[in-house]
């Protein structure tokens, strides 16, 4: 498994992690992913998966970079602190490595939310701060509101079929040294299933050239971008193995160009 810097923190994280939205696989597949090097697990208070993640980390917490999120409904100062305490209990840990605002909430001043999150860092309950589903404008507002601890990541939808962030958000994050955590990097499995669509035929041709699966090529395309890591979710041990096999090699510039043209 290859690693990339998390923002400008100096901390290295796997370029392929484990997502847990709609995860129903239990403890064992997560532990298998950790053993394969996917030592970043992302969850959230609204996923209902913090408990199973905590169980999976029971004997290996120090080996794993743990990320979770506070709900958009809990962004008032006191609510953030309570939500973090509850997440820590469910996860069975004393510290969250990356605490993220799950969605912006225009009804709550971002400065109030960031003040609470920075308090959590000062208390030692959180190491780093991130956001999720933030547009360029919302990200810039969050950066301005963070007084003592920077925003190091933005978790957003990104895959070959959904490339909206390339217009403004991705270049800005790359310029600012903010890690983009790509969720749904296989577009809910659409990029992992053979299809007669012309664009999928190009993906299949590239997969044959590099002797990899469709999913591995789609994931490798994602992480080929500077500052981008991906967190695919799977309930199955063999699928997690496949996803981890997307790391440790790179598509050629010509192959990336063909995929970019086909999925433009």
Protein backbone atom coordinates (compact mmCIF):
# COMPACT_ATOMS: atom_id res chain seq x y z
CA UNK A 1 0.00 0.00 0.00
CA UNK A 2 1.33 3.44 -0.97
CA UNK A 3 0.92 6.40 1.38
CA UNK A 4 0.35 10.10 0.80
CA UNK A 5 0.73 13.15 3.06
CA UNK A 6 -2.40 14.32 4.88
CA UNK A 7 -2.57 17.98 4.00
CA UNK A 8 0.51 19.77 5.28
CA UNK A 9 0.55 17.83 8.55
CA UNK A 10 3.54 15.63 7.77
CA UNK A 11 1.41 12.58 8.60
CA UNK A 12 1.19 9.86 5.95
CA UNK A 13 -2.08 8.03 5.26
CA UNK A 14 -2.90 5.15 2.87
CA UNK A 15 -4.01 6.25 -0.59
CA UNK A 16 -6.75 3.58 -0.38
CA UNK A 17 -8.72 3.53 2.86
CA UNK A 18 -11.91 1.85 4.04
CA UNK A 19 -15.25 3.62 3.77
CA UNK A 20 -18.15 2.52 5.96
CA UNK A 21 -21.24 4.29 4.63
CA UNK A 22 -23.91 1.56 4.28
CA UNK A 23 -21.34 -0.93 5.56
CA UNK A 24 -22.85 -4.23 6.75
CA UNK A 25 -19.86 -6.57 6.62
CA UNK A 26 -19.02 -6.88 10.29
CA UNK A 27 -15.60 -6.78 11.89
CA UNK A 28 -13.62 -9.30 9.85
CA UNK A 29 -13.51 -7.56 6.43
CA UNK A 30 -12.33 -4.34 8.10
CA UNK A 31 -9.59 -6.20 9.94
CA UNK A 32 -8.57 -7.87 6.70
CA UNK A 33 -8.32 -4.47 5.00
CA UNK A 34 -6.15 -3.19 7.85
CA UNK A 35 -3.87 -6.21 7.47
CA UNK A 36 -3.52 -5.41 3.76
CA UNK A 37 -2.40 -1.86 4.56
CA UNK A 38 -5.68 0.07 4.23
CA UNK A 39 -5.03 1.62 7.61
CA UNK A 40 -7.44 4.52 7.24
CA UNK A 41 -11.05 3.92 8.24
CA UNK A 42 -13.69 6.57 7.69
CA UNK A 43 -17.04 6.58 9.48
CA UNK A 44 -19.57 9.12 10.78
CA UNK A 45 -22.02 9.49 13.63
CA UNK A 46 -24.96 9.19 11.21
CA UNK A 47 -23.66 6.02 9.51
CA UNK A 48 -24.41 3.77 12.44
CA UNK A 49 -21.03 2.06 11.91
CA UNK A 50 -18.88 3.65 14.61
CA UNK A 51 -19.43 0.69 16.95
CA UNK A 52 -18.31 -1.94 14.42
CA UNK A 53 -15.31 0.21 13.50
CA UNK A 54 -14.41 0.46 17.17
CA UNK A 55 -14.67 -3.31 17.52
CA UNK A 56 -12.45 -3.82 14.46
CA UNK A 57 -9.82 -1.53 16.00
CA UNK A 58 -9.89 -3.09 19.44
CA UNK A 59 -6.48 -4.76 19.13
CA UNK A 60 -4.88 -2.48 16.53
CA UNK A 61 -5.98 1.08 17.27
CA UNK A 62 -2.44 2.49 17.13
CA UNK A 63 -1.97 1.13 13.61
CA UNK A 64 -5.00 2.85 12.10
CA UNK A 65 -5.78 6.44 11.12
CA UNK A 66 -9.37 6.90 12.31
CA UNK A 67 -11.70 9.46 10.74
CA UNK A 68 -15.27 10.27 11.68
CA UNK A 69 -17.73 13.10 11.17
CA UNK A 70 -20.10 15.31 13.12
CA UNK A 71 -23.60 15.58 11.70
CA UNK A 72 -24.81 18.83 10.14
CA UNK A 73 -27.52 18.82 12.83
CA UNK A 74 -24.90 19.06 15.60
CA UNK A 75 -22.81 22.06 14.58
CA UNK A 76 -23.60 24.38 17.50
CA UNK A 77 -20.69 24.71 19.92
CA UNK A 78 -22.04 22.51 22.71
CA UNK A 79 -23.54 20.04 20.25
CA UNK A 80 -20.17 19.49 18.57
CA UNK A 81 -18.54 18.71 21.91
CA UNK A 82 -21.33 16.28 22.87
CA UNK A 83 -21.26 14.61 19.45
CA UNK A 84 -17.50 14.10 19.67
CA UNK A 85 -17.78 12.58 23.14
CA UNK A 86 -20.47 10.20 21.89
CA UNK A 87 -18.36 9.21 18.87
CA UNK A 88 -15.35 8.57 21.10
CA UNK A 89 -17.47 6.25 23.26
CA UNK A 90 -18.88 4.34 20.31
CA UNK A 91 -15.43 4.01 18.75
CA UNK A 92 -13.89 2.90 22.02
CA UNK A 93 -10.97 5.30 21.67
CA UNK A 94 -9.58 8.35 23.43
CA UNK A 95 -8.72 10.28 20.27
CA UNK A 96 -10.14 10.79 16.79
CA UNK A 97 -7.40 11.29 14.19
CA UNK A 98 -9.54 13.30 11.75
CA UNK A 99 -12.80 14.95 12.81
CA UNK A 100 -14.85 16.25 9.91
CA UNK A 101 -17.92 18.44 9.48
CA UNK A 102 -20.17 16.11 7.50
CA UNK A 103 -22.13 18.76 5.60
CA UNK A 104 -22.23 22.56 5.75
CA UNK A 105 -25.15 24.02 7.69
CA UNK A 106 -25.92 27.62 6.68
CA UNK A 107 -28.05 28.05 9.82
CA UNK A 108 -24.99 27.73 12.08
CA UNK A 109 -22.05 30.12 11.77
CA UNK A 110 -19.01 28.17 10.65
CA UNK A 111 -16.92 30.11 13.17
CA UNK A 112 -18.97 28.66 16.02
CA UNK A 113 -18.49 25.12 14.74
CA UNK A 114 -14.76 25.55 14.17
CA UNK A 115 -14.33 27.06 17.64
CA UNK A 116 -15.73 23.84 19.12
CA UNK A 117 -13.63 21.64 16.88
CA UNK A 118 -10.49 23.54 17.79
CA UNK A 119 -11.39 23.08 21.45
CA UNK A 120 -11.42 19.33 20.83
CA UNK A 121 -7.93 19.53 19.34
CA UNK A 122 -6.71 21.60 22.29
CA UNK A 123 -8.13 18.97 24.65
CA UNK A 124 -6.29 16.19 22.83
CA UNK A 125 -9.51 14.44 21.79
CA UNK A 126 -8.98 15.20 18.08
CA UNK A 127 -5.73 15.42 16.13
CA UNK A 128 -6.75 17.06 12.83
CA UNK A 129 -9.76 18.90 11.40
CA UNK A 130 -11.48 18.30 8.08
CA UNK A 131 -14.69 19.00 6.22
CA UNK A 132 -16.90 16.98 3.91
CA UNK A 133 -19.15 17.96 1.00
CA UNK A 134 -17.86 21.54 1.14
CA UNK A 135 -17.89 23.65 -2.01
CA UNK A 136 -14.96 25.92 -2.77
CA UNK A 137 -16.71 28.89 -1.14
CA UNK A 138 -17.69 26.89 1.96
CA UNK A 139 -14.15 25.53 2.26
CA UNK A 140 -12.67 29.00 2.08
CA UNK A 141 -15.06 30.18 4.78
CA UNK A 142 -14.04 27.26 6.98
CA UNK A 143 -10.36 28.03 6.41
CA UNK A 144 -10.93 31.64 7.43
CA UNK A 145 -12.77 30.55 10.58
CA UNK A 146 -10.05 28.11 11.68
CA UNK A 147 -7.86 30.26 13.92
CA UNK A 148 -5.35 27.83 15.41
CA UNK A 149 -5.72 24.48 13.64
CA UNK A 150 -6.00 24.28 9.83
CA UNK A 151 -8.48 22.40 7.68
CA UNK A 152 -6.42 19.51 6.31
CA UNK A 153 -8.97 17.65 4.15
CA UNK A 154 -12.24 17.84 2.26
CA UNK A 155 -14.15 14.59 1.69
CA UNK A 156 -16.18 14.81 -1.51
CA UNK A 157 -17.83 12.72 -4.22
CA UNK A 158 -15.25 11.98 -6.92
CA UNK A 159 -14.93 9.26 -9.54
CA UNK A 160 -14.55 8.85 -13.29
CA UNK A 161 -18.27 9.51 -13.81
CA UNK A 162 -18.52 12.42 -11.35
CA UNK A 163 -15.73 14.93 -11.96
CA UNK A 164 -17.36 18.21 -10.94
CA UNK A 165 -14.63 19.02 -8.41
CA UNK A 166 -12.05 19.30 -11.20
CA UNK A 167 -13.43 22.69 -12.24
CA UNK A 168 -12.47 24.66 -9.12
CA UNK A 169 -12.35 22.64 -5.92
CA UNK A 170 -9.65 20.09 -6.77
CA UNK A 171 -7.15 22.63 -8.17
CA UNK A 172 -7.70 24.83 -5.12
CA UNK A 173 -7.15 21.95 -2.70
CA UNK A 174 -3.99 20.96 -4.54
CA UNK A 175 -2.71 24.53 -4.42
CA UNK A 176 -3.53 24.82 -0.71
CA UNK A 177 -2.14 21.42 0.26
CA UNK A 178 -5.56 20.12 1.34
CA UNK A 179 -6.15 16.39 0.92
CA UNK A 180 -9.20 15.39 -1.11
CA UNK A 181 -10.77 12.22 0.27
CA UNK A 182 -12.78 10.73 -2.60
CA UNK A 183 -15.91 8.92 -1.49
CA UNK A 184 -17.98 6.65 -3.75
CA UNK A 185 -14.88 6.35 -5.99
CA UNK A 186 -16.48 3.45 -7.89
CA UNK A 187 -19.76 5.32 -8.42
CA UNK A 188 -21.78 2.85 -6.35
CA UNK A 189 -20.21 -0.06 -8.23
CA UNK A 190 -21.01 1.20 -11.72
CA UNK A 191 -17.31 1.46 -12.54
CA UNK A 192 -16.66 -2.11 -11.42
CA UNK A 193 -19.20 -3.87 -13.67
CA UNK A 194 -18.62 -4.62 -17.38
CA UNK A 195 -20.83 -2.61 -19.71
CA UNK A 196 -21.28 -2.05 -23.42
CA UNK A 197 -21.10 1.71 -22.96
CA UNK A 198 -18.24 3.17 -25.03
CA UNK A 199 -16.62 4.78 -22.01
CA UNK A 200 -16.69 1.50 -20.10
CA UNK A 201 -15.14 -0.23 -23.11
CA UNK A 202 -12.18 2.15 -22.81
CA UNK A 203 -11.91 1.35 -19.10
CA UNK A 204 -11.98 -2.37 -19.91
CA UNK A 205 -9.26 -1.96 -22.55
CA UNK A 206 -6.98 -0.17 -20.10
CA UNK A 207 -7.69 -2.84 -17.47
CA UNK A 208 -6.57 -5.55 -19.91
CA UNK A 209 -3.38 -3.62 -20.71
CA UNK A 210 -2.34 -3.40 -17.05
CA UNK A 211 -3.78 -6.80 -16.06
CA UNK A 212 -6.03 -5.24 -13.42
CA UNK A 213 -9.78 -5.21 -12.78
CA UNK A 214 -12.15 -2.41 -13.78
CA UNK A 215 -12.41 -1.34 -10.15
CA UNK A 216 -8.65 -1.25 -9.68
CA UNK A 217 -8.17 0.93 -12.74
CA UNK A 218 -10.98 3.30 -11.70
CA UNK A 219 -9.49 3.62 -8.22
CA UNK A 220 -5.97 4.07 -9.56
CA UNK A 221 -7.23 6.86 -11.83
CA UNK A 222 -8.57 8.58 -8.70
CA UNK A 223 -5.40 8.32 -6.64
CA UNK A 224 -3.18 9.26 -9.58
CA UNK A 225 -4.21 12.87 -8.84
CA UNK A 226 -1.97 14.72 -6.40
CA UNK A 227 -3.54 15.21 -2.97
CA UNK A 228 -6.29 12.62 -3.63
CA UNK A 229 -6.93 9.45 -1.63
CA UNK A 230 -9.97 7.17 -1.99
CA UNK A 231 -12.18 5.35 0.50
CA UNK A 232 -14.17 2.64 -1.32
CA UNK A 233 -16.62 0.62 0.75
CA UNK A 234 -17.16 -3.10 0.51
CA UNK A 235 -18.83 -5.63 2.78
CA UNK A 236 -16.79 -8.49 1.34
CA UNK A 237 -13.26 -9.59 2.14
CA UNK A 238 -12.39 -10.41 -1.48
CA UNK A 239 -13.64 -7.05 -2.73
CA UNK A 240 -11.58 -5.22 -0.14
CA UNK A 241 -8.56 -7.20 -1.36
CA UNK A 242 -9.34 -6.11 -4.89
CA UNK A 243 -9.65 -2.47 -3.85
CA UNK A 244 -6.34 -2.55 -1.99
CA UNK A 245 -4.78 -3.89 -5.19
CA UNK A 246 -5.43 -0.50 -6.79
CA UNK A 247 -2.41 0.86 -4.90
CA UNK A 248 1.29 0.25 -5.50
CA UNK A 249 1.33 0.90 -9.26
CA UNK A 250 0.38 3.69 -11.64
CA UNK A 251 -1.41 4.07 -14.93
CA UNK A 252 0.71 5.65 -17.65
CA UNK A 253 0.16 9.24 -18.76
CA UNK A 254 -1.27 7.95 -22.05
CA UNK A 255 -3.72 5.65 -20.26
CA UNK A 256 -4.84 8.46 -17.96
CA UNK A 257 -5.36 10.67 -21.00
CA UNK A 258 -7.54 8.03 -22.68
CA UNK A 259 -9.66 7.63 -19.57
CA UNK A 260 -10.01 11.38 -19.14
CA UNK A 261 -11.18 11.71 -22.74
CA UNK A 262 -13.62 8.78 -22.53
CA UNK A 263 -15.15 9.96 -19.25
CA UNK A 264 -15.05 13.70 -19.99
